[in-house]
Protein backbone atom coordinates (compact mmCIF):
# COMPACT_ATOMS: atom_id res chain seq x y z
CA MET A 1 -0.03 -0.47 0.02
CA PHE A 2 1.25 3.36 -1.15
CA CYS A 3 0.30 6.72 -0.12
CA THR A 4 -1.50 8.97 -2.42
CA HIS A 5 0.25 12.50 -1.75
CA CYS A 6 3.82 11.31 -1.92
CA GLY A 7 3.65 7.61 -2.96
CA HIS A 8 5.72 6.85 0.05
CA GLU A 9 5.20 2.85 1.26
CA LEU A 10 2.72 1.99 4.13
CA SER A 11 1.70 -0.90 6.29
CA PRO A 12 -1.53 -2.33 7.11
CA GLU A 13 -2.16 -0.53 10.43
CA ASP A 14 -1.02 3.12 9.78
CA LYS A 15 -3.49 5.98 10.16
CA PHE A 16 -1.06 8.32 8.48
CA CYS A 17 2.20 8.51 6.53
CA THR A 18 5.33 8.09 8.03
CA GLY A 19 6.96 9.94 4.68
CA CYS A 20 4.65 13.74 4.25
CA GLY A 21 1.95 13.27 7.95
CA ALA A 22 -1.07 12.45 5.04
CA PRO A 23 -4.12 10.58 6.39
CA VAL A 24 -4.22 7.41 5.11
CA ASP A 25 -7.39 7.75 2.62
CA GLY A 26 -8.17 3.99 3.27
CA PRO A 27 -8.64 1.51 0.48
CA GLU A 28 -5.14 1.13 -1.60
CA PRO A 29 -4.36 3.77 -4.57
CA SER A 30 -4.98 2.12 -7.68
CA TYR A 31 -1.48 2.13 -9.12
CA LYS A 32 0.37 -0.84 -8.95
CA GLU A 33 3.69 -1.68 -6.54
CA ASP A 34 5.83 -2.06 -9.10
CA GLN A 35 4.57 0.90 -10.85
CA THR A 36 7.19 4.03 -9.94
CA ARG A 37 6.23 6.67 -6.87
CA PRO A 38 4.61 9.99 -8.30
CA LEU A 39 7.50 12.85 -8.36
CA GLN A 40 7.31 15.76 -6.48
CA SER A 41 8.15 19.34 -7.19
CA ALA A 42 10.82 20.65 -5.30
CA PRO A 43 9.55 22.14 -2.39
CA ALA A 44 6.93 19.28 -1.76
CA ALA A 45 10.07 17.06 -1.03
CA TYR A 46 12.05 19.64 1.15
CA ASP A 47 8.83 20.37 3.37
CA ASN A 48 8.31 16.28 3.03
CA GLY A 49 11.84 15.89 4.57
CA ALA A 50 11.47 18.07 7.27
CA GLN A 51 8.14 16.91 8.46
CA ALA A 52 9.53 12.93 7.98
CA ASP A 53 12.66 13.90 9.99
CA ARG A 54 10.17 15.25 12.76
CA ALA A 55 7.78 12.86 12.94
CA SER A 56 10.94 10.31 12.43
CA ARG A 57 11.57 11.94 15.92
CA GLN A 58 8.57 10.54 17.70
CA VAL A 59 7.35 7.55 16.15
CA PRO A 60 5.58 5.41 18.25
CA GLY A 61 8.58 3.03 20.02
CA ARG A 62 11.22 5.78 20.95
CA PHE A 63 11.78 6.96 24.59
CA ASN A 64 9.59 9.52 25.75
CA TRP A 65 11.09 11.73 28.51
CA GLY A 66 8.14 13.55 29.59
CA ALA A 67 6.16 10.09 30.32
CA PHE A 68 9.44 8.98 32.57
CA SER A 69 10.05 12.29 34.47
CA LEU A 70 6.15 13.26 34.73
CA THR A 71 4.08 10.25 34.51
CA LEU A 72 1.31 11.22 36.12
CA ILE A 73 0.43 14.70 34.12
CA TRP A 74 1.87 13.47 31.08
CA GLY A 75 -0.58 10.08 31.74
CA ILE A 76 -3.45 12.70 32.14
CA GLY A 77 -2.74 14.94 30.02
CA ASN A 78 -2.12 12.44 26.99
CA ARG A 79 -5.54 10.15 28.26
CA CYS A 80 -3.04 7.69 28.98
CA TYR A 81 -4.94 6.62 31.92
CA ILE A 82 -3.20 3.55 33.18
CA THR A 83 -0.33 5.51 34.24
CA LEU A 84 -2.62 6.26 37.42
CA LEU A 85 -0.69 2.88 38.37
CA CYS A 86 2.21 5.03 39.55
CA LEU A 87 0.66 5.86 42.40
CA VAL A 88 0.47 1.95 43.68
CA PRO A 89 3.23 2.34 46.09
CA ILE A 90 5.37 -1.01 44.59
CA VAL A 91 4.40 -0.16 40.66
CA GLY A 92 5.45 3.27 41.10
CA PHE A 93 8.75 2.86 41.12
CA VAL A 94 8.50 0.25 37.54
CA MET A 95 5.68 3.10 36.41
CA PRO A 96 7.33 5.60 34.73
CA PHE A 97 9.85 2.94 32.59
CA VAL A 98 7.76 1.70 31.51
CA ALA A 99 5.49 4.91 30.72
CA GLY A 100 9.13 5.89 29.00
CA PHE A 101 8.97 3.35 26.76
CA LYS A 102 5.36 2.68 25.95
CA GLY A 103 4.77 6.26 26.11
CA ASN A 104 4.63 7.47 22.44
CA ALA A 105 2.33 4.11 21.39
CA TRP A 106 0.07 5.21 24.35
CA ALA A 107 -0.35 8.90 23.39
CA TYR A 108 -0.80 7.77 19.53
CA GLU A 109 -3.59 4.88 20.66
CA ASN A 110 -5.50 7.12 22.89
CA ASN A 111 -5.14 10.66 21.30
CA ARG A 112 -6.72 11.86 18.00
CA TYR A 113 -4.04 14.28 16.08
CA ARG A 114 -4.74 15.33 13.09
CA ASN A 115 -1.66 14.39 11.40
CA MET A 116 2.05 13.16 12.58
CA GLU A 117 3.41 16.67 12.38
CA GLU A 118 1.28 17.17 15.22
CA PHE A 119 1.51 14.34 17.08
CA SER A 120 5.72 15.07 16.96
CA GLN A 121 4.95 18.41 18.05
CA VAL A 122 3.15 17.35 20.75
CA GLN A 123 5.15 14.70 22.54
CA ASP A 124 8.54 16.77 21.63
CA THR A 125 7.26 19.65 23.87
CA TRP A 126 6.66 17.15 25.99
CA ASN A 127 9.74 15.35 25.64
CA ARG A 128 12.01 18.60 26.21
CA ALA A 129 10.05 19.57 29.32
CA GLY A 130 10.49 15.83 30.72
CA PHE A 131 13.92 15.79 30.05
CA VAL A 132 14.53 19.34 31.68
CA CYS A 133 12.65 18.04 35.31
CA PHE A 134 14.92 14.91 35.04
CA ILE A 135 17.67 17.21 34.71
CA ALA A 136 16.50 19.75 37.89
CA GLN A 137 15.82 16.04 40.07
CA LEU A 138 19.16 14.62 39.13
CA LEU A 139 20.81 17.94 40.72
CA ILE A 140 18.72 18.87 43.22
CA GLY A 141 19.43 14.43 44.58
CA GLY A 142 22.33 15.79 43.98
CA PHE A 143 22.49 18.63 46.12
CA TRP A 144 20.49 17.20 48.95
CA LEU A 145 22.95 14.15 49.18
CA PHE A 146 25.96 16.69 49.11
CA PHE A 147 24.26 18.36 51.90
CA VAL A 148 23.34 15.06 53.80
CA LEU A 149 27.07 13.77 53.56
CA LEU A 150 28.62 16.83 54.73
CA SER A 151 26.16 17.45 57.73
CA GLY A 152 26.64 13.83 58.74
CA LEU A 153 30.43 13.85 58.53
CA ASN A 154 30.20 17.26 60.67
CA LEU A 155 28.21 15.61 63.67
CA PHE A 156 31.46 12.70 63.66
CA THR A 157 34.30 15.45 63.50
CA ALA A 158 31.99 18.13 66.27
CA PRO A 159 33.57 18.58 69.49
CA VAL A 160 32.06 17.48 72.52
CA LEU A 161 31.12 19.97 74.63
CA GLY A 162 32.65 18.39 78.10
CA ASP A 163 35.80 18.07 76.24
CA ILE A 164 36.70 21.47 76.17
């Protein structure tokens, strides 16, 4: 099956073309597989290349930092309510990793995007926000650990008032 807009080869379960982002029109086009793909003009080819590049970054199956770092908020925002399992005590440790790896697929299945470009823009925003939050969590955790260790050292090396 090929896209009717750009001629890119599609799999039967695709909702949008991975080459140009256009919605799949249902039945296969009338031309046969052995025929060549339709030619594109230079501006259309350039535009489709940019869309394909952006779409390839957010395909289902890629790691999603937003789903990993902001699991609960991301899940509610993307209608992926399975991420509410992060509130369960033991499952809460595993759920961010599962959401990080399965997040794009869940978001793609549970939302109605106009095209792959819109999906990529939304998930790129979540990815940037999630990565910034992940770095902030690392920095805050590092400072906390540093001060806990520093205060622990001061407790053991501080002079006792009776020794003075």
